[in-house]
Amino acid sequence: MIKVSVMYPYRDGARFDHTYYRDTHMPLVSARMGAACLKYTVDKGISGGDAGSPPAFIGMCHIFCESVETFNASFGPHAAEILGDIANYTDLTPVMQISEVVVD
């Protein structure tokens, strides 16, 4: 199994609508990917490692799929629509990482 992490770096004054991200964007991603999206999680950054410091990432999601090929086949055809929706909830540029899940 793989995990696709899409992370939005914290920036002072940045716009990030957590409600839209959670209630609209991520259900859109899941619906477009269909059964290839085994599950997803949404995180809201609240703090860095030092007390009172800002989080490294203001928000992120993790999409779980059987393989990179499965992810690409299900996300690719809808990439323009999904990526086009980003402006509706943030002015940040996401960082993406694909990981192999070794313990679940």
PDB file of N, CA and C in Angstrom:
ATOM      1  N   MET A   1       0.859  -1.177   0.000  1.00  0.00           N
ATOM      2  CA  MET A   1       0.000   0.000   0.000  1.00  0.00           C
ATOM      3  C   MET A   1       0.901   1.235   0.000  1.00  0.00           C
ATOM      4  N   ILE A   2       0.420   2.283  -0.648  1.00  0.00           N
ATOM      5  CA  ILE A   2       1.142   3.556  -0.660  1.00  0.00           C
ATOM      6  C   ILE A   2       0.277   4.650  -0.041  1.00  0.00           C
ATOM      7  N   LYS A   3       0.967   5.706   0.372  1.00  0.00           N
ATOM      8  CA  LYS A   3       0.291   6.879   0.931  1.00  0.00           C
ATOM      9  C   LYS A   3       0.788   8.095   0.161  1.00  0.00           C
ATOM     10  N   VAL A   4      -0.140   8.833  -0.400  1.00  0.00           N
ATOM     11  CA  VAL A   4       0.187  10.074  -1.089  1.00  0.00           C
ATOM     12  C   VAL A   4      -0.119  11.214  -0.122  1.00  0.00           C
ATOM     13  N   SER A   5       0.918  11.919   0.283  1.00  0.00           N
ATOM     14  CA  SER A   5       0.760  13.033   1.218  1.00  0.00           C
ATOM     15  C   SER A   5       0.847  14.343   0.448  1.00  0.00           C
ATOM     16  N   VAL A   6      -0.139  15.187   0.642  1.00  0.00           N
ATOM     17  CA  VAL A   6      -0.160  16.517   0.032  1.00  0.00           C
ATOM     18  C   VAL A   6      -0.163  17.506   1.192  1.00  0.00           C
ATOM     19  N   MET A   7       0.936  18.263   1.306  1.00  0.00           N
ATOM     20  CA  MET A   7       1.161  19.091   2.489  1.00  0.00           C
ATOM     21  C   MET A   7       1.299  20.559   2.093  1.00  0.00           C
ATOM     22  N   TYR A   8       0.681  21.415   2.874  1.00  0.00           N
ATOM     23  CA  TYR A   8       0.680  22.851   2.609  1.00  0.00           C
ATOM     24  C   TYR A   8       1.543  23.548   3.659  1.00  0.00           C
ATOM     25  N   PRO A   9       2.743  24.012   3.272  1.00  0.00           N
ATOM     26  CA  PRO A   9       3.643  24.653   4.233  1.00  0.00           C
ATOM     27  C   PRO A   9       3.013  25.897   4.867  1.00  0.00           C
ATOM     28  N   TYR A  10       3.219  26.025   6.176  1.00  0.00           N
ATOM     29  CA  TYR A  10       2.729  27.207   6.896  1.00  0.00           C
ATOM     30  C   TYR A  10       3.440  28.450   6.373  1.00  0.00           C
ATOM     31  N   ARG A  11       2.683  29.509   6.178  1.00  0.00           N
ATOM     32  CA  ARG A  11       3.233  30.821   5.849  1.00  0.00           C
ATOM     33  C   ARG A  11       2.373  31.851   6.561  1.00  0.00           C
ATOM     34  N   ASP A  12       2.992  32.726   7.306  1.00  0.00           N
ATOM     35  CA  ASP A  12       2.256  33.760   8.027  1.00  0.00           C
ATOM     36  C   ASP A  12       1.401  34.562   7.049  1.00  0.00           C
ATOM     37  N   GLY A  13       0.122  34.692   7.347  1.00  0.00           N
ATOM     38  CA  GLY A  13      -0.796  35.462   6.517  1.00  0.00           C
ATOM     39  C   GLY A  13      -1.388  34.705   5.347  1.00  0.00           C
ATOM     40  N   ALA A  14      -1.010  33.445   5.186  1.00  0.00           N
ATOM     41  CA  ALA A  14      -1.548  32.653   4.070  1.00  0.00           C
ATOM     42  C   ALA A  14      -3.033  32.373   4.292  1.00  0.00           C
ATOM     43  N   ARG A  15      -3.725  32.150   3.187  1.00  0.00           N
ATOM     44  CA  ARG A  15      -5.151  31.808   3.245  1.00  0.00           C
ATOM     45  C   ARG A  15      -5.288  30.292   3.116  1.00  0.00           C
ATOM     46  N   PHE A  16      -5.991  29.676   4.072  1.00  0.00           N
ATOM     47  CA  PHE A  16      -6.288  28.244   4.008  1.00  0.00           C
ATOM     48  C   PHE A  16      -7.634  28.014   4.682  1.00  0.00           C
ATOM     49  N   ASP A  17      -8.619  27.618   3.901  1.00  0.00           N
ATOM     50  CA  ASP A  17      -9.974  27.382   4.394  1.00  0.00           C
ATOM     51  C   ASP A  17     -10.109  25.894   4.730  1.00  0.00           C
ATOM     52  N   HIS A  18      -9.889  25.587   6.007  1.00  0.00           N
ATOM     53  CA  HIS A  18      -9.916  24.188   6.447  1.00  0.00           C
ATOM     54  C   HIS A  18     -11.278  23.537   6.225  1.00  0.00           C
ATOM     55  N   THR A  19     -12.346  24.288   6.415  1.00  0.00           N
ATOM     56  CA  THR A  19     -13.688  23.732   6.240  1.00  0.00           C
ATOM     57  C   THR A  19     -13.916  23.335   4.789  1.00  0.00           C
ATOM     58  N   TYR A  20     -13.559  24.187   3.857  1.00  0.00           N
ATOM     59  CA  TYR A  20     -13.704  23.861   2.429  1.00  0.00           C
ATOM     60  C   TYR A  20     -12.839  22.658   2.072  1.00  0.00           C
ATOM     61  N   TYR A  21     -11.614  22.653   2.569  1.00  0.00           N
ATOM     62  CA  TYR A  21     -10.689  21.551   2.280  1.00  0.00           C
ATOM     63  C   TYR A  21     -11.268  20.219   2.752  1.00  0.00           C
ATOM     64  N   ARG A  22     -11.757  20.204   3.983  1.00  0.00           N
ATOM     65  CA  ARG A  22     -12.300  18.987   4.588  1.00  0.00           C
ATOM     66  C   ARG A  22     -13.634  18.575   3.973  1.00  0.00           C
ATOM     67  N   ASP A  23     -14.547  19.524   3.791  1.00  0.00           N
ATOM     68  CA  ASP A  23     -15.927  19.195   3.413  1.00  0.00           C
ATOM     69  C   ASP A  23     -16.205  19.205   1.912  1.00  0.00           C
ATOM     70  N   THR A  24     -15.355  19.854   1.129  1.00  0.00           N
ATOM     71  CA  THR A  24     -15.606  19.964  -0.313  1.00  0.00           C
ATOM     72  C   THR A  24     -14.476  19.372  -1.150  1.00  0.00           C
ATOM     73  N   HIS A  25     -13.249  19.848  -0.916  1.00  0.00           N
ATOM     74  CA  HIS A  25     -12.143  19.413  -1.780  1.00  0.00           C
ATOM     75  C   HIS A  25     -11.831  17.925  -1.631  1.00  0.00           C
ATOM     76  N   MET A  26     -11.646  17.472  -0.416  1.00  0.00           N
ATOM     77  CA  MET A  26     -11.256  16.067  -0.242  1.00  0.00           C
ATOM     78  C   MET A  26     -12.364  15.090  -0.647  1.00  0.00           C
ATOM     79  N   PRO A  27     -13.642  15.363  -0.380  1.00  0.00           N
ATOM     80  CA  PRO A  27     -14.683  14.494  -0.937  1.00  0.00           C
ATOM     81  C   PRO A  27     -14.675  14.489  -2.469  1.00  0.00           C
ATOM     82  N   LEU A  28     -14.338  15.621  -3.102  1.00  0.00           N
ATOM     83  CA  LEU A  28     -14.207  15.675  -4.556  1.00  0.00           C
ATOM     84  C   LEU A  28     -13.094  14.737  -5.020  1.00  0.00           C
ATOM     85  N   VAL A  29     -11.937  14.817  -4.368  1.00  0.00           N
ATOM     86  CA  VAL A  29     -10.810  13.944  -4.720  1.00  0.00           C
ATOM     87  C   VAL A  29     -11.218  12.482  -4.590  1.00  0.00           C
ATOM     88  N   SER A  30     -11.815  12.133  -3.474  1.00  0.00           N
ATOM     89  CA  SER A  30     -12.235  10.751  -3.230  1.00  0.00           C
ATOM     90  C   SER A  30     -13.248  10.276  -4.267  1.00  0.00           C
ATOM     91  N   ALA A  31     -14.211  11.120  -4.583  1.00  0.00           N
ATOM     92  CA  ALA A  31     -15.240  10.750  -5.567  1.00  0.00           C
ATOM     93  C   ALA A  31     -14.629  10.524  -6.943  1.00  0.00           C
ATOM     94  N   ARG A  32     -13.695  11.382  -7.346  1.00  0.00           N
ATOM     95  CA  ARG A  32     -13.086  11.236  -8.670  1.00  0.00           C
ATOM     96  C   ARG A  32     -12.191  10.006  -8.734  1.00  0.00           C
ATOM     97  N   MET A  33     -11.514   9.683  -7.652  1.00  0.00           N
ATOM     98  CA  MET A  33     -10.620   8.529  -7.642  1.00  0.00           C
ATOM     99  C   MET A  33     -11.370   7.212  -7.491  1.00  0.00           C
ATOM    100  N   GLY A  34     -12.583   7.265  -6.962  1.00  0.00           N
ATOM    101  CA  GLY A  34     -13.384   6.057  -6.808  1.00  0.00           C
ATOM    102  C   GLY A  34     -12.744   5.054  -5.858  1.00  0.00           C
ATOM    103  N   ALA A  35     -12.886   3.773  -6.180  1.00  0.00           N
ATOM    104  CA  ALA A  35     -12.411   2.695  -5.311  1.00  0.00           C
ATOM    105  C   ALA A  35     -10.891   2.681  -5.161  1.00  0.00           C
ATOM    106  N   ALA A  36     -10.174   3.369  -6.040  1.00  0.00           N
ATOM    107  CA  ALA A  36      -8.707   3.420  -5.932  1.00  0.00           C
ATOM    108  C   ALA A  36      -8.266   4.136  -4.660  1.00  0.00           C
ATOM    109  N   CYS A  37      -9.097   5.065  -4.184  1.00  0.00           N
ATOM    110  CA  CYS A  37      -8.823   5.752  -2.916  1.00  0.00           C
ATOM    111  C   CYS A  37      -9.383   4.867  -1.808  1.00  0.00           C
ATOM    112  N   LEU A  38      -8.504   4.100  -1.173  1.00  0.00           N
ATOM    113  CA  LEU A  38      -8.948   3.181  -0.124  1.00  0.00           C
ATOM    114  C   LEU A  38      -9.478   3.943   1.083  1.00  0.00           C
ATOM    115  N   LYS A  39      -8.804   5.036   1.411  1.00  0.00           N
ATOM    116  CA  LYS A  39      -9.229   5.937   2.487  1.00  0.00           C
ATOM    117  C   LYS A  39      -8.365   7.178   2.393  1.00  0.00           C
ATOM    118  N   TYR A  40      -8.773   8.220   3.103  1.00  0.00           N
ATOM    119  CA  TYR A  40      -7.934   9.411   3.205  1.00  0.00           C
ATOM    120  C   TYR A  40      -8.100  10.005   4.590  1.00  0.00           C
ATOM    121  N   THR A  41      -7.096  10.760   4.998  1.00  0.00           N
ATOM    122  CA  THR A  41      -7.165  11.497   6.252  1.00  0.00           C
ATOM    123  C   THR A  41      -6.839  12.957   5.958  1.00  0.00           C
ATOM    124  N   VAL A  42      -7.319  13.838   6.811  1.00  0.00           N
ATOM    125  CA  VAL A  42      -7.054  15.269   6.696  1.00  0.00           C
ATOM    126  C   VAL A  42      -6.502  15.737   8.040  1.00  0.00           C
ATOM    127  N   ASP A  43      -5.392  16.460   7.995  1.00  0.00           N
ATOM    128  CA  ASP A  43      -4.758  16.986   9.202  1.00  0.00           C
ATOM    129  C   ASP A  43      -4.785  18.511   9.172  1.00  0.00           C
ATOM    130  N   LYS A  44      -4.925  19.096  10.356  1.00  0.00           N
ATOM    131  CA  LYS A  44      -4.862  20.552  10.520  1.00  0.00           C
ATOM    132  C   LYS A  44      -3.691  20.854  11.449  1.00  0.00           C
ATOM    133  N   GLY A  45      -2.659  21.527  10.923  1.00  0.00           N
ATOM    134  CA  GLY A  45      -1.490  21.844  11.736  1.00  0.00           C
ATOM    135  C   GLY A  45      -1.833  22.819  12.846  1.00  0.00           C
ATOM    136  N   ILE A  46      -1.344  22.512  14.062  1.00  0.00           N
ATOM    137  CA  ILE A  46      -1.649  23.384  15.201  1.00  0.00           C
ATOM    138  C   ILE A  46      -0.403  23.947  15.884  1.00  0.00           C
ATOM    139  N   SER A  47       0.749  23.283  15.731  1.00  0.00           N
ATOM    140  CA  SER A  47       1.949  23.769  16.410  1.00  0.00           C
ATOM    141  C   SER A  47       3.182  23.100  15.832  1.00  0.00           C
ATOM    142  N   GLY A  48       4.309  23.787  15.975  1.00  0.00           N
ATOM    143  CA  GLY A  48       5.594  23.184  15.660  1.00  0.00           C
ATOM    144  C   GLY A  48       6.100  22.425  16.874  1.00  0.00           C
ATOM    145  N   GLY A  49       7.345  21.987  16.831  1.00  0.00           N
ATOM    146  CA  GLY A  49       7.916  21.218  17.935  1.00  0.00           C
ATOM    147  C   GLY A  49       8.131  22.026  19.198  1.00  0.00           C
ATOM    148  N   ASP A  50       8.394  23.312  19.043  1.00  0.00           N
ATOM    149  CA  ASP A  50       8.571  24.183  20.202  1.00  0.00           C
ATOM    150  C   ASP A  50       7.234  24.800  20.583  1.00  0.00           C
ATOM    151  N   ALA A  51       6.973  24.882  21.871  1.00  0.00           N
ATOM    152  CA  ALA A  51       5.716  25.452  22.353  1.00  0.00           C
ATOM    153  C   ALA A  51       5.500  26.837  21.762  1.00  0.00           C
ATOM    154  N   GLY A  52       4.323  27.041  21.197  1.00  0.00           N
ATOM    155  CA  GLY A  52       3.959  28.334  20.650  1.00  0.00           C
ATOM    156  C   GLY A  52       4.475  28.611  19.249  1.00  0.00           C
ATOM    157  N   SER A  53       5.252  27.700  18.688  1.00  0.00           N
ATOM    158  CA  SER A  53       5.765  27.924  17.332  1.00  0.00           C
ATOM    159  C   SER A  53       4.727  27.478  16.307  1.00  0.00           C
ATOM    160  N   PRO A  54       4.750  28.078  15.127  1.00  0.00           N
ATOM    161  CA  PRO A  54       3.772  27.690  14.098  1.00  0.00           C
ATOM    162  C   PRO A  54       4.067  26.285  13.572  1.00  0.00           C
ATOM    163  N   PRO A  55       3.054  25.621  13.047  1.00  0.00           N
ATOM    164  CA  PRO A  55       3.267  24.284  12.490  1.00  0.00           C
ATOM    165  C   PRO A  55       4.110  24.363  11.215  1.00  0.00           C
ATOM    166  N   ALA A  56       4.797  23.289  10.884  1.00  0.00           N
ATOM    167  CA  ALA A  56       5.538  23.235   9.615  1.00  0.00           C
ATOM    168  C   ALA A  56       4.557  23.275   8.443  1.00  0.00           C
ATOM    169  N   PHE A  57       3.399  22.639   8.641  1.00  0.00           N
ATOM    170  CA  PHE A  57       2.361  22.579   7.608  1.00  0.00           C
ATOM    171  C   PHE A  57       1.030  22.994   8.214  1.00  0.00           C
ATOM    172  N   ILE A  58       0.312  23.889   7.521  1.00  0.00           N
ATOM    173  CA  ILE A  58      -0.977  24.376   8.018  1.00  0.00           C
ATOM    174  C   ILE A  58      -2.083  23.348   7.807  1.00  0.00           C
ATOM    175  N   GLY A  59      -1.922  22.522   6.784  1.00  0.00           N
ATOM    176  CA  GLY A  59      -2.894  21.476   6.500  1.00  0.00           C
ATOM    177  C   GLY A  59      -2.277  20.433   5.592  1.00  0.00           C
ATOM    178  N   MET A  60      -2.836  19.242   5.629  1.00  0.00           N
ATOM    179  CA  MET A  60      -2.360  18.173   4.756  1.00  0.00           C
ATOM    180  C   MET A  60      -3.400  17.077   4.654  1.00  0.00           C
ATOM    181  N   CYS A  61      -3.249  16.284   3.605  1.00  0.00           N
ATOM    182  CA  CYS A  61      -4.070  15.089   3.470  1.00  0.00           C
ATOM    183  C   CYS A  61      -3.160  13.926   3.134  1.00  0.00           C
ATOM    184  N   HIS A  62      -3.665  12.732   3.411  1.00  0.00           N
ATOM    185  CA  HIS A  62      -2.959  11.502   3.083  1.00  0.00           C
ATOM    186  C   HIS A  62      -3.973  10.599   2.387  1.00  0.00           C
ATOM    187  N   ILE A  63      -3.659  10.223   1.157  1.00  0.00           N
ATOM    188  CA  ILE A  63      -4.535   9.370   0.353  1.00  0.00           C
ATOM    189  C   ILE A  63      -3.884   7.998   0.260  1.00  0.00           C
ATOM    190  N   PHE A  64      -4.624   6.964   0.614  1.00  0.00           N
ATOM    191  CA  PHE A  64      -4.092   5.604   0.615  1.00  0.00           C
ATOM    192  C   PHE A  64      -4.605   4.841  -0.601  1.00  0.00           C
ATOM    193  N   CYS A  65      -3.668   4.219  -1.323  1.00  0.00           N
ATOM    194  CA  CYS A  65      -3.984   3.440  -2.527  1.00  0.00           C
ATOM    195  C   CYS A  65      -3.161   2.157  -2.517  1.00  0.00           C
ATOM    196  N   GLU A  66      -3.554   1.211  -3.340  1.00  0.00           N
ATOM    197  CA  GLU A  66      -2.816  -0.048  -3.436  1.00  0.00           C
ATOM    198  C   GLU A  66      -1.424   0.141  -4.021  1.00  0.00           C
ATOM    199  N   SER A  67      -1.270   1.031  -4.995  1.00  0.00           N
ATOM    200  CA  SER A  67       0.021   1.200  -5.663  1.00  0.00           C
ATOM    201  C   SER A  67       0.108   2.587  -6.295  1.00  0.00           C
ATOM    202  N   VAL A  68       1.313   2.958  -6.684  1.00  0.00           N
ATOM    203  CA  VAL A  68       1.519   4.218  -7.396  1.00  0.00           C
ATOM    204  C   VAL A  68       0.755   4.189  -8.713  1.00  0.00           C
ATOM    205  N   GLU A  69       0.772   3.040  -9.372  1.00  0.00           N
ATOM    206  CA  GLU A  69       0.070   2.897 -10.647  1.00  0.00           C
ATOM    207  C   GLU A  69      -1.433   3.110 -10.479  1.00  0.00           C
ATOM    208  N   THR A  70      -1.990   2.563  -9.406  1.00  0.00           N
ATOM    209  CA  THR A  70      -3.416   2.734  -9.125  1.00  0.00           C
ATOM    210  C   THR A  70      -3.735   4.204  -8.867  1.00  0.00           C
ATOM    211  N   PHE A  71      -2.873   4.861  -8.096  1.00  0.00           N
ATOM    212  CA  PHE A  71      -3.071   6.287  -7.837  1.00  0.00           C
ATOM    213  C   PHE A  71      -3.041   7.075  -9.142  1.00  0.00           C
ATOM    214  N   ASN A  72      -1.993   6.866  -9.923  1.00  0.00           N
ATOM    215  CA  ASN A  72      -1.846   7.622 -11.171  1.00  0.00           C
ATOM    216  C   ASN A  72      -3.012   7.387 -12.126  1.00  0.00           C
ATOM    217  N   ALA A  73      -3.470   6.141 -12.224  1.00  0.00           N
ATOM    218  CA  ALA A  73      -4.565   5.816 -13.142  1.00  0.00           C
ATOM    219  C   ALA A  73      -5.878   6.459 -12.712  1.00  0.00           C
ATOM    220  N   SER A  74      -6.080   6.631 -11.404  1.00  0.00           N
ATOM    221  CA  SER A  74      -7.347   7.187 -10.917  1.00  0.00           C
ATOM    222  C   SER A  74      -7.301   8.707 -10.757  1.00  0.00           C
ATOM    223  N   PHE A  75      -6.150   9.247 -10.415  1.00  0.00           N
ATOM    224  CA  PHE A  75      -6.016  10.692 -10.212  1.00  0.00           C
ATOM    225  C   PHE A  75      -5.786  11.421 -11.534  1.00  0.00           C
ATOM    226  N   GLY A  76      -4.941  10.843 -12.364  1.00  0.00           N
ATOM    227  CA  GLY A  76      -4.522  11.487 -13.609  1.00  0.00           C
ATOM    228  C   GLY A  76      -5.630  12.046 -14.476  1.00  0.00           C
ATOM    229  N   PRO A  77      -6.673  11.259 -14.769  1.00  0.00           N
ATOM    230  CA  PRO A  77      -7.739  11.765 -15.634  1.00  0.00           C
ATOM    231  C   PRO A  77      -8.505  12.955 -15.046  1.00  0.00           C
ATOM    232  N   HIS A  78      -8.393  13.155 -13.732  1.00  0.00           N
ATOM    233  CA  HIS A  78      -9.134  14.223 -13.053  1.00  0.00           C
ATOM    234  C   HIS A  78      -8.208  15.303 -12.498  1.00  0.00           C
ATOM    235  N   ALA A  79      -6.926  15.213 -12.818  1.00  0.00           N
ATOM    236  CA  ALA A  79      -5.938  16.126 -12.232  1.00  0.00           C
ATOM    237  C   ALA A  79      -6.278  17.593 -12.476  1.00  0.00           C
ATOM    238  N   ALA A  80      -6.680  17.941 -13.677  1.00  0.00           N
ATOM    239  CA  ALA A  80      -6.977  19.350 -13.975  1.00  0.00           C
ATOM    240  C   ALA A  80      -8.102  19.877 -13.088  1.00  0.00           C
ATOM    241  N   GLU A  81      -9.153  19.096 -12.922  1.00  0.00           N
ATOM    242  CA  GLU A  81     -10.275  19.522 -12.076  1.00  0.00           C
ATOM    243  C   GLU A  81      -9.848  19.625 -10.616  1.00  0.00           C
ATOM    244  N   ILE A  82      -9.150  18.602 -10.127  1.00  0.00           N
ATOM    245  CA  ILE A  82      -8.743  18.574  -8.721  1.00  0.00           C
ATOM    246  C   ILE A  82      -7.757  19.702  -8.420  1.00  0.00           C
ATOM    247  N   LEU A  83      -6.739  19.839  -9.244  1.00  0.00           N
ATOM    248  CA  LEU A  83      -5.741  20.890  -9.021  1.00  0.00           C
ATOM    249  C   LEU A  83      -6.339  22.273  -9.223  1.00  0.00           C
ATOM    250  N   GLY A  84      -7.304  22.391 -10.115  1.00  0.00           N
ATOM    251  CA  GLY A  84      -7.979  23.661 -10.340  1.00  0.00           C
ATOM    252  C   GLY A  84      -8.797  24.125  -9.153  1.00  0.00           C
ATOM    253  N   ASP A  85      -9.166  23.194  -8.282  1.00  0.00           N
ATOM    254  CA  ASP A  85      -9.964  23.524  -7.101  1.00  0.00           C
ATOM    255  C   ASP A  85      -9.111  24.108  -5.973  1.00  0.00           C
ATOM    256  N   ILE A  86      -7.801  23.952  -6.035  1.00  0.00           N
ATOM    257  CA  ILE A  86      -6.927  24.412  -4.955  1.00  0.00           C
ATOM    258  C   ILE A  86      -7.138  25.895  -4.651  1.00  0.00           C
ATOM    259  N   ALA A  87      -7.300  26.714  -5.671  1.00  0.00           N
ATOM    260  CA  ALA A  87      -7.472  28.162  -5.465  1.00  0.00           C
ATOM    261  C   ALA A  87      -8.725  28.494  -4.662  1.00  0.00           C
ATOM    262  N   ASN A  88      -9.664  27.561  -4.567  1.00  0.00           N
ATOM    263  CA  ASN A  88     -10.884  27.803  -3.792  1.00  0.00           C
ATOM    264  C   ASN A  88     -10.654  27.746  -2.285  1.00  0.00           C
ATOM    265  N   TYR A  89      -9.526  27.167  -1.846  1.00  0.00           N
ATOM    266  CA  TYR A  89      -9.308  27.086  -0.404  1.00  0.00           C
ATOM    267  C   TYR A  89      -7.952  27.610   0.068  1.00  0.00           C
ATOM    268  N   THR A  90      -7.013  27.855  -0.842  1.00  0.00           N
ATOM    269  CA  THR A  90      -5.717  28.346  -0.369  1.00  0.00           C
ATOM    270  C   THR A  90      -4.965  29.114  -1.445  1.00  0.00           C
ATOM    271  N   ASP A  91      -4.001  29.903  -0.976  1.00  0.00           N
ATOM    272  CA  ASP A  91      -3.069  30.568  -1.880  1.00  0.00           C
ATOM    273  C   ASP A  91      -1.664  29.966  -1.741  1.00  0.00           C
ATOM    274  N   LEU A  92      -1.575  28.828  -1.073  1.00  0.00           N
ATOM    275  CA  LEU A  92      -0.307  28.128  -0.872  1.00  0.00           C
ATOM    276  C   LEU A  92      -0.069  27.102  -1.979  1.00  0.00           C
ATOM    277  N   THR A  93       1.187  26.770  -2.203  1.00  0.00           N
ATOM    278  CA  THR A  93       1.559  25.720  -3.153  1.00  0.00           C
ATOM    279  C   THR A  93       1.872  24.455  -2.361  1.00  0.00           C
ATOM    280  N   PRO A  94       1.186  23.354  -2.643  1.00  0.00           N
ATOM    281  CA  PRO A  94       1.405  22.138  -1.866  1.00  0.00           C
ATOM    282  C   PRO A  94       2.714  21.430  -2.223  1.00  0.00           C
ATOM    283  N   VAL A  95       3.190  20.653  -1.259  1.00  0.00           N
ATOM    284  CA  VAL A  95       4.331  19.761  -1.421  1.00  0.00           C
ATOM    285  C   VAL A  95       3.762  18.348  -1.392  1.00  0.00           C
ATOM    286  N   MET A  96       4.202  17.500  -2.321  1.00  0.00           N
ATOM    287  CA  MET A  96       3.646  16.146  -2.407  1.00  0.00           C
ATOM    288  C   MET A  96       4.742  15.119  -2.167  1.00  0.00           C
ATOM    289  N   GLN A  97       4.376  14.055  -1.463  1.00  0.00           N
ATOM    290  CA  GLN A  97       5.294  12.934  -1.253  1.00  0.00           C
ATOM    291  C   GLN A  97       4.507  11.644  -1.355  1.00  0.00           C
ATOM    292  N   ILE A  98       5.105  10.643  -1.991  1.00  0.00           N
ATOM    293  CA  ILE A  98       4.508   9.310  -2.049  1.00  0.00           C
ATOM    294  C   ILE A  98       5.383   8.391  -1.217  1.00  0.00           C
ATOM    295  N   SER A  99       4.759   7.675  -0.286  1.00  0.00           N
ATOM    296  CA  SER A  99       5.476   6.786   0.622  1.00  0.00           C
ATOM    297  C   SER A  99       4.901   5.382   0.548  1.00  0.00           C
ATOM    298  N   GLU A 100       5.744   4.414   0.809  1.00  0.00           N
ATOM    299  CA  GLU A 100       5.266   3.045   0.983  1.00  0.00           C
ATOM    300  C   GLU A 100       4.865   2.897   2.445  1.00  0.00           C
ATOM    301  N   VAL A 101       3.675   2.391   2.700  1.00  0.00           N
ATOM    302  CA  VAL A 101       3.219   2.165   4.071  1.00  0.00           C
ATOM    303  C   VAL A 101       3.820   0.837   4.524  1.00  0.00           C
ATOM    304  N   VAL A 102       4.669   0.876   5.549  1.00  0.00           N
ATOM    305  CA  VAL A 102       5.322  -0.346   6.011  1.00  0.00           C
ATOM    306  C   VAL A 102       4.677  -0.916   7.272  1.00  0.00           C
ATOM    307  N   VAL A 103       3.925  -0.097   7.999  1.00  0.00           N
ATOM    308  CA  VAL A 103       3.150  -0.550   9.161  1.00  0.00           C
ATOM    309  C   VAL A 103       1.815   0.163   9.105  1.00  0.00           C
ATOM    310  N   ASP A 104       0.734  -0.598   9.239  1.00  0.00           N
ATOM    311  CA  ASP A 104      -0.606  -0.009   9.215  1.00  0.00           C
ATOM    312  C   ASP A 104      -1.346  -0.423  10.466  1.00  0.00           C
TER     313      ASP A 104
END
